[in-house]
Amino acid sequence: MNLDRLGEFVERVAGIVIPPRDLPRIEGRLEARWRALDLPDVDSYLDRLERDPLGEETRRLLSLVTINESSLFRSPRQFEVLKETVLPRIRRSHEGVVSVWSAGCARGEEAVSLAITLAEFFGPGPQQWRVVATDLDQEAMAAARSWRFGPRATRLVPEELAQRYLRPRGDAMEVVGDLRRRITFEDQNLTQLPGVLAEYRFDVIFLRNVLIYFRPDVQRSVVEAVTRLMRPGAYLFVGPSESLWSLGLDLEPVDLGGAFAYRRIRGTVASEPETTPSPVGENRSEDSSPSMRRR
C-alpha cells in the first residue's frame, strides 16, 4: 500500500503531517474505503482523490486520519484563567459582544467548555457573548452538532456545572438548549483562512493541540492568518506543550498564573469585517467548504 503517497496528499490538501509511525494504523481504514468504492487498489483510490481534492471522499479520508479524543474542560486551568482574568479584562476594554473561537473543535468538547465558562462569567441576560467552533472533520462536526457527550468526555466537568448545563440522555449527557444557541459551528480549513470567518473579529481564540501537526512554515502562515482575525489586545491560547516563541509574530506572551496565553499587540490594527456576523447559534450547512483542525 502506497502510504507515502497518502501522507503527501493529506499534507497538501489539509496541511496535516502524518508521522510515518502513524501511517500503518490507518492502513486498514483506507483499505475499507477503496473496497467500498469497488476500486482495485489504494493507488486507484488516491487517483480518485487527486481528481477531486476538495470533494466528499477527501472529507471522509480526513475523518479517518484525524484523532478526536478529548474531553470537556481538558487543561482546566486555561478555563479558570479565562474566567478569572481574561474575561474581566476584555469586558473593561469594550462594550460589544465578546466573540470566542474554538479552532479545531473536534466533537465540540472545547466549544461547550468555553460556552459554559462564558455563561458562568456573564450570567443570564441579553446577548453578551458567542462561541464560534470550526473543524475539518465532517464526522466529528456531525457528532458536535448532536450536542451529546459520553461519560469519558464529561468526567472532568464539575458537578455543579453539569447540573446547570447538561442533562442525561440515555447513556450520555446532552447540552441544554440555552447554551446551544450561543454556539455556531462553521466548516473551515485553517490553511484557507479567513474563509467563512472573514466577517468575525475575536476577543479570545483557543488554538490548542493543532499546530503540532503542521510543519514550521505552515504553522507560521496559520498563526499569521489567525492573528489577523483577532482584535488588538485579544488573547490566543495554545496547548500546554505548544509554543509560538520562534514565530516572531505580532503576539506577546502573557503569564496568567498557571497558564500562558498570547496577546495581540495593541499597536497592530485589525481591519473591521465588511459584513455583519451571523446570529448567535446559527449553524451553517454541513455542505460548506472543508474545515481544519486537530484535537
Protein backbone atom coordinates (compact mmCIF):
# COMPACT_ATOMS: atom_id res chain seq x y z
CA MET A 1 0.00 0.00 0.00
CA ASN A 2 1.41 3.40 -1.03
CA LEU A 3 1.27 5.09 2.36
CA ASP A 4 3.89 7.71 1.46
CA ARG A 5 1.68 8.98 -1.33
CA LEU A 6 -1.23 9.10 1.11
CA GLY A 7 0.79 11.21 3.55
CA GLU A 8 1.80 13.61 0.78
CA PHE A 9 -1.81 14.03 -0.33
CA VAL A 10 -3.12 14.75 3.19
CA GLU A 11 -0.40 17.31 3.83
CA ARG A 12 -1.05 19.01 0.50
CA VAL A 13 -4.83 19.41 0.93
CA ALA A 14 -5.05 19.97 4.71
CA GLY A 15 -1.56 20.84 5.95
CA ILE A 16 -1.61 17.89 8.38
CA VAL A 17 1.61 15.94 8.66
CA ILE A 18 1.05 12.26 9.42
CA PRO A 19 4.13 10.89 11.23
CA PRO A 20 5.49 7.79 9.46
CA ARG A 21 4.88 5.74 12.59
CA ASP A 22 1.14 6.53 12.36
CA LEU A 23 0.68 5.56 8.71
CA PRO A 24 0.31 1.79 9.34
CA ARG A 25 -2.52 2.32 11.84
CA ILE A 26 -4.73 3.88 9.16
CA GLU A 27 -3.93 1.23 6.54
CA GLY A 28 -6.96 -0.90 7.37
CA ARG A 29 -9.29 2.10 7.38
CA LEU A 30 -8.00 3.16 3.99
CA GLU A 31 -8.47 -0.31 2.54
CA ALA A 32 -12.07 -0.32 3.72
CA ARG A 33 -12.72 2.89 1.79
CA TRP A 34 -11.28 1.80 -1.57
CA ARG A 35 -13.01 -1.55 -1.32
CA ALA A 36 -16.31 0.16 -0.51
CA LEU A 37 -15.91 2.18 -3.70
CA ASP A 38 -15.22 -1.01 -5.67
CA LEU A 39 -11.73 0.13 -6.64
CA PRO A 40 -8.94 -2.39 -7.34
CA ASP A 41 -6.24 -0.91 -5.08
CA VAL A 42 -5.13 2.05 -3.00
CA ASP A 43 -3.44 3.77 -5.95
CA SER A 44 -6.78 3.84 -7.77
CA TYR A 45 -8.31 5.33 -4.64
CA LEU A 46 -5.63 8.01 -4.45
CA ASP A 47 -6.10 8.73 -8.15
CA ARG A 48 -9.75 9.41 -7.42
CA LEU A 49 -8.85 11.74 -4.56
CA GLU A 50 -6.40 13.63 -6.78
CA ARG A 51 -9.13 14.27 -9.33
CA ASP A 52 -11.34 15.94 -6.70
CA PRO A 53 -9.12 17.02 -3.77
CA LEU A 54 -11.87 19.09 -2.13
CA GLY A 55 -14.63 16.56 -2.66
CA GLU A 56 -16.68 14.44 -0.29
CA GLU A 57 -14.30 11.48 -0.40
CA THR A 58 -11.42 13.68 0.70
CA ARG A 59 -13.53 14.74 3.66
CA ARG A 60 -14.13 11.09 4.50
CA LEU A 61 -10.40 10.41 4.29
CA LEU A 62 -9.55 13.28 6.63
CA SER A 63 -12.04 11.91 9.13
CA LEU A 64 -10.15 8.61 9.02
CA VAL A 65 -6.70 10.08 9.62
CA THR A 66 -7.52 12.61 12.34
CA ILE A 67 -7.82 11.90 16.07
CA ASN A 68 -10.79 13.21 18.04
CA GLU A 69 -10.13 12.03 21.60
CA SER A 70 -10.84 14.85 24.02
CA SER A 71 -12.98 15.84 26.99
CA LEU A 72 -14.81 18.84 28.33
CA PHE A 73 -12.56 21.12 30.41
CA ARG A 74 -9.36 19.48 29.23
CA SER A 75 -6.46 21.51 30.70
CA PRO A 76 -8.85 23.09 33.22
CA ARG A 77 -6.50 25.86 34.36
CA GLN A 78 -6.89 27.58 30.99
CA PHE A 79 -10.64 27.84 31.51
CA GLU A 80 -10.11 29.08 35.05
CA VAL A 81 -7.84 31.96 33.99
CA LEU A 82 -10.20 32.75 31.13
CA LYS A 83 -12.99 33.36 33.64
CA GLU A 84 -10.90 34.90 36.42
CA THR A 85 -8.52 37.13 34.47
CA VAL A 86 -9.06 37.33 30.72
CA LEU A 87 -12.81 37.95 30.52
CA PRO A 88 -12.75 40.76 33.14
CA ARG A 89 -10.00 42.49 31.14
CA ILE A 90 -11.91 42.13 27.89
CA ARG A 91 -15.16 43.35 29.43
CA ARG A 92 -13.42 46.51 30.59
CA SER A 93 -11.90 47.15 27.16
CA HIS A 94 -15.06 47.21 25.02
CA GLU A 95 -18.83 47.01 25.41
CA GLY A 96 -19.71 44.90 22.38
CA VAL A 97 -20.47 41.19 22.12
CA VAL A 98 -17.49 39.09 23.24
CA SER A 99 -16.54 36.65 20.48
CA VAL A 100 -14.61 33.44 21.21
CA TRP A 101 -13.31 30.97 18.62
CA SER A 102 -12.67 27.26 19.21
CA ALA A 103 -10.34 26.50 16.28
CA GLY A 104 -10.20 22.76 15.79
CA CYS A 105 -13.25 21.96 17.87
CA ALA A 106 -13.35 18.20 17.03
CA ARG A 107 -16.54 16.80 18.59
CA GLY A 108 -17.36 20.04 20.36
CA GLU A 109 -15.89 19.41 23.80
CA GLU A 110 -13.80 22.58 23.81
CA ALA A 111 -16.56 24.76 22.37
CA VAL A 112 -19.04 23.63 25.01
CA SER A 113 -16.43 24.15 27.75
CA LEU A 114 -15.90 27.70 26.51
CA ALA A 115 -19.65 28.34 26.38
CA ILE A 116 -20.10 27.10 29.96
CA THR A 117 -17.22 29.32 31.11
CA LEU A 118 -18.70 32.40 29.43
CA ALA A 119 -22.20 31.63 30.74
CA GLU A 120 -20.80 31.42 34.26
CA PHE A 121 -18.99 34.74 33.86
CA PHE A 122 -21.76 36.77 32.21
CA GLY A 123 -24.75 35.13 33.85
CA PRO A 124 -28.27 35.20 32.42
CA GLY A 125 -29.41 38.15 30.36
CA PRO A 126 -29.31 39.61 26.86
CA GLN A 127 -26.77 38.59 24.26
CA GLN A 128 -23.28 39.44 25.51
CA TRP A 129 -21.13 36.68 24.06
CA ARG A 130 -20.88 33.97 21.42
CA VAL A 131 -18.67 30.97 20.60
CA VAL A 132 -17.70 30.03 17.04
CA ALA A 133 -16.40 26.46 16.59
CA THR A 134 -14.63 25.15 13.47
CA ASP A 135 -13.14 21.88 12.27
CA LEU A 136 -12.37 20.00 9.05
CA ASP A 137 -13.52 16.55 10.17
CA GLN A 138 -17.07 16.13 8.91
CA GLU A 139 -17.82 13.15 11.15
CA ALA A 140 -16.52 14.99 14.21
CA MET A 141 -18.61 18.05 13.36
CA ALA A 142 -21.71 15.90 12.95
CA ALA A 143 -21.04 14.49 16.43
CA ALA A 144 -20.60 18.02 17.80
CA ARG A 145 -23.94 19.05 16.35
CA SER A 146 -25.60 16.17 18.21
CA TRP A 147 -24.77 18.00 21.49
CA ARG A 148 -24.17 14.69 23.28
CA PHE A 149 -21.10 13.52 25.20
CA GLY A 150 -20.33 10.18 26.81
CA PRO A 151 -19.04 9.54 30.34
CA ARG A 152 -15.38 9.75 29.33
CA ALA A 153 -15.85 13.16 27.69
CA THR A 154 -17.72 14.61 30.69
CA ARG A 155 -15.63 13.17 33.51
CA LEU A 156 -13.85 16.49 34.24
CA VAL A 157 -16.98 18.65 34.40
CA PRO A 158 -17.60 19.92 37.96
CA GLU A 159 -20.85 18.54 39.33
CA GLU A 160 -22.49 21.93 39.81
CA LEU A 161 -21.76 22.90 36.19
CA ALA A 162 -23.01 19.55 34.90
CA GLN A 163 -26.30 20.10 36.72
CA ARG A 164 -26.76 23.55 35.16
CA TYR A 165 -25.68 22.91 31.58
CA LEU A 166 -26.02 19.17 30.89
CA ARG A 167 -28.88 16.71 31.20
CA PRO A 168 -28.94 12.90 31.00
CA ARG A 169 -29.96 11.44 27.66
CA GLY A 170 -29.61 7.65 27.55
CA ASP A 171 -26.04 6.74 28.43
CA ALA A 172 -24.77 10.21 27.51
CA MET A 173 -25.09 13.81 28.65
CA GLU A 174 -26.78 16.39 26.43
CA VAL A 175 -26.13 20.15 26.33
CA VAL A 176 -29.14 22.24 27.40
CA GLY A 177 -30.90 24.36 24.79
CA ASP A 178 -29.97 27.82 26.09
CA LEU A 179 -26.27 27.04 25.80
CA ARG A 180 -26.67 25.65 22.28
CA ARG A 181 -28.00 28.94 21.00
CA ARG A 182 -24.70 30.61 21.87
CA ILE A 183 -22.53 28.26 19.77
CA THR A 184 -22.15 28.45 16.00
CA PHE A 185 -20.48 25.61 14.09
CA GLU A 186 -18.64 26.51 10.89
CA ASP A 187 -16.77 24.31 8.40
CA GLN A 188 -13.39 25.97 7.92
CA ASN A 189 -9.89 24.89 6.92
CA LEU A 190 -7.21 26.68 8.93
CA THR A 191 -4.90 26.61 5.93
CA GLN A 192 -7.53 28.52 3.94
CA LEU A 193 -8.36 31.38 6.29
CA PRO A 194 -10.27 33.65 6.54
CA GLY A 195 -12.92 31.79 4.54
CA VAL A 196 -16.29 31.89 6.32
CA LEU A 197 -14.65 33.67 9.26
CA ALA A 198 -13.88 36.83 7.29
CA GLU A 199 -16.82 38.55 8.99
CA TYR A 200 -15.55 37.89 12.53
CA ARG A 201 -13.09 39.57 14.87
CA PHE A 202 -12.35 37.58 18.02
CA ASP A 203 -11.53 38.52 21.59
CA VAL A 204 -10.33 35.02 22.57
CA ILE A 205 -9.12 32.14 20.40
CA PHE A 206 -8.38 28.59 21.54
CA LEU A 207 -5.98 27.00 19.03
CA ARG A 208 -4.96 24.06 21.18
CA ASN A 209 -3.15 20.90 20.08
CA VAL A 210 -3.41 21.92 16.43
CA LEU A 211 -0.09 23.45 15.40
CA ILE A 212 1.93 20.38 16.37
CA TYR A 213 0.58 18.62 13.29
CA PHE A 214 1.92 21.27 10.87
CA ARG A 215 5.39 21.90 9.52
CA PRO A 216 7.02 25.18 10.71
CA ASP A 217 6.19 27.14 7.55
CA VAL A 218 2.52 26.11 7.75
CA GLN A 219 2.47 26.87 11.48
CA ARG A 220 3.61 30.39 10.77
CA SER A 221 1.12 31.02 7.97
CA VAL A 222 -1.76 29.65 10.06
CA VAL A 223 -0.88 31.76 13.12
CA GLU A 224 -0.47 34.85 10.92
CA ALA A 225 -3.94 34.28 9.49
CA VAL A 226 -5.39 33.62 12.94
CA THR A 227 -3.78 36.80 14.30
CA ARG A 228 -5.48 38.88 11.60
CA LEU A 229 -8.83 37.66 12.96
CA MET A 230 -8.01 38.91 16.49
CA ARG A 231 -8.97 42.29 17.84
CA PRO A 232 -5.99 44.27 19.18
CA GLY A 233 -5.47 43.09 22.76
CA ALA A 234 -7.22 39.75 22.12
CA TYR A 235 -5.92 36.52 23.66
CA LEU A 236 -4.74 33.33 21.95
CA PHE A 237 -4.46 30.06 23.88
CA VAL A 238 -2.46 27.13 22.51
CA GLY A 239 -1.90 23.68 24.00
CA PRO A 240 0.19 23.44 27.18
CA SER A 241 3.01 21.74 25.24
CA GLU A 242 2.92 24.21 22.33
CA SER A 243 4.81 27.49 21.94
CA LEU A 244 4.81 30.41 19.50
CA TRP A 245 8.13 31.83 20.69
CA SER A 246 10.01 31.05 17.47
CA LEU A 247 7.43 32.52 15.08
CA GLY A 248 8.19 36.20 15.76
CA LEU A 249 4.62 37.40 15.20
CA ASP A 250 2.60 40.37 16.50
CA LEU A 251 1.83 38.50 19.70
CA GLU A 252 3.25 38.87 23.19
CA PRO A 253 3.30 36.06 25.77
CA VAL A 254 1.24 36.64 28.91
CA ASP A 255 1.65 34.73 32.18
CA LEU A 256 -1.85 34.36 33.60
CA GLY A 257 -0.84 32.42 36.69
CA GLY A 258 -0.56 28.73 35.97
CA ALA A 259 -1.37 29.17 32.28
CA PHE A 260 0.19 31.06 29.39
CA ALA A 261 -1.56 32.84 26.54
CA TYR A 262 -0.52 35.18 23.76
CA ARG A 263 -1.99 38.65 23.38
CA ARG A 264 -2.23 40.57 20.16
CA ILE A 265 -0.10 43.70 20.41
CA ARG A 266 -2.46 46.63 20.69
CA GLY A 267 -0.49 48.76 18.25
CA THR A 268 -1.47 46.39 15.45
CA VAL A 269 -4.81 47.34 13.94
CA ALA A 270 -7.07 44.65 12.51
CA SER A 271 -9.33 45.71 9.66
CA GLU A 272 -13.00 45.53 10.55
CA PRO A 273 -15.21 42.95 8.88
CA GLU A 274 -17.20 44.18 5.90
CA THR A 275 -20.34 42.23 6.81
CA THR A 276 -22.43 41.66 9.90
CA PRO A 277 -21.74 38.33 11.66
CA SER A 278 -24.42 35.67 11.56
CA PRO A 279 -26.83 35.49 14.52
CA VAL A 280 -25.51 33.68 17.56
CA GLY A 281 -26.23 29.97 17.41
CA GLU A 282 -26.83 29.79 13.65
CA ASN A 283 -25.30 26.51 12.50
CA ARG A 284 -24.48 26.69 8.82
CA SER A 285 -24.90 23.91 6.32
CA GLU A 286 -22.62 20.94 6.62
CA ASP A 287 -22.12 21.24 2.84
CA SER A 288 -19.79 24.23 3.27
CA SER A 289 -16.08 24.14 2.39
CA PRO A 290 -13.78 21.76 4.29
CA SER A 291 -12.64 22.69 7.78
CA MET A 292 -9.33 22.34 9.55
CA ARG A 293 -8.47 21.00 12.92
CA ARG A 294 -6.76 18.64 15.28
CA ARG A 295 -7.72 17.82 18.80
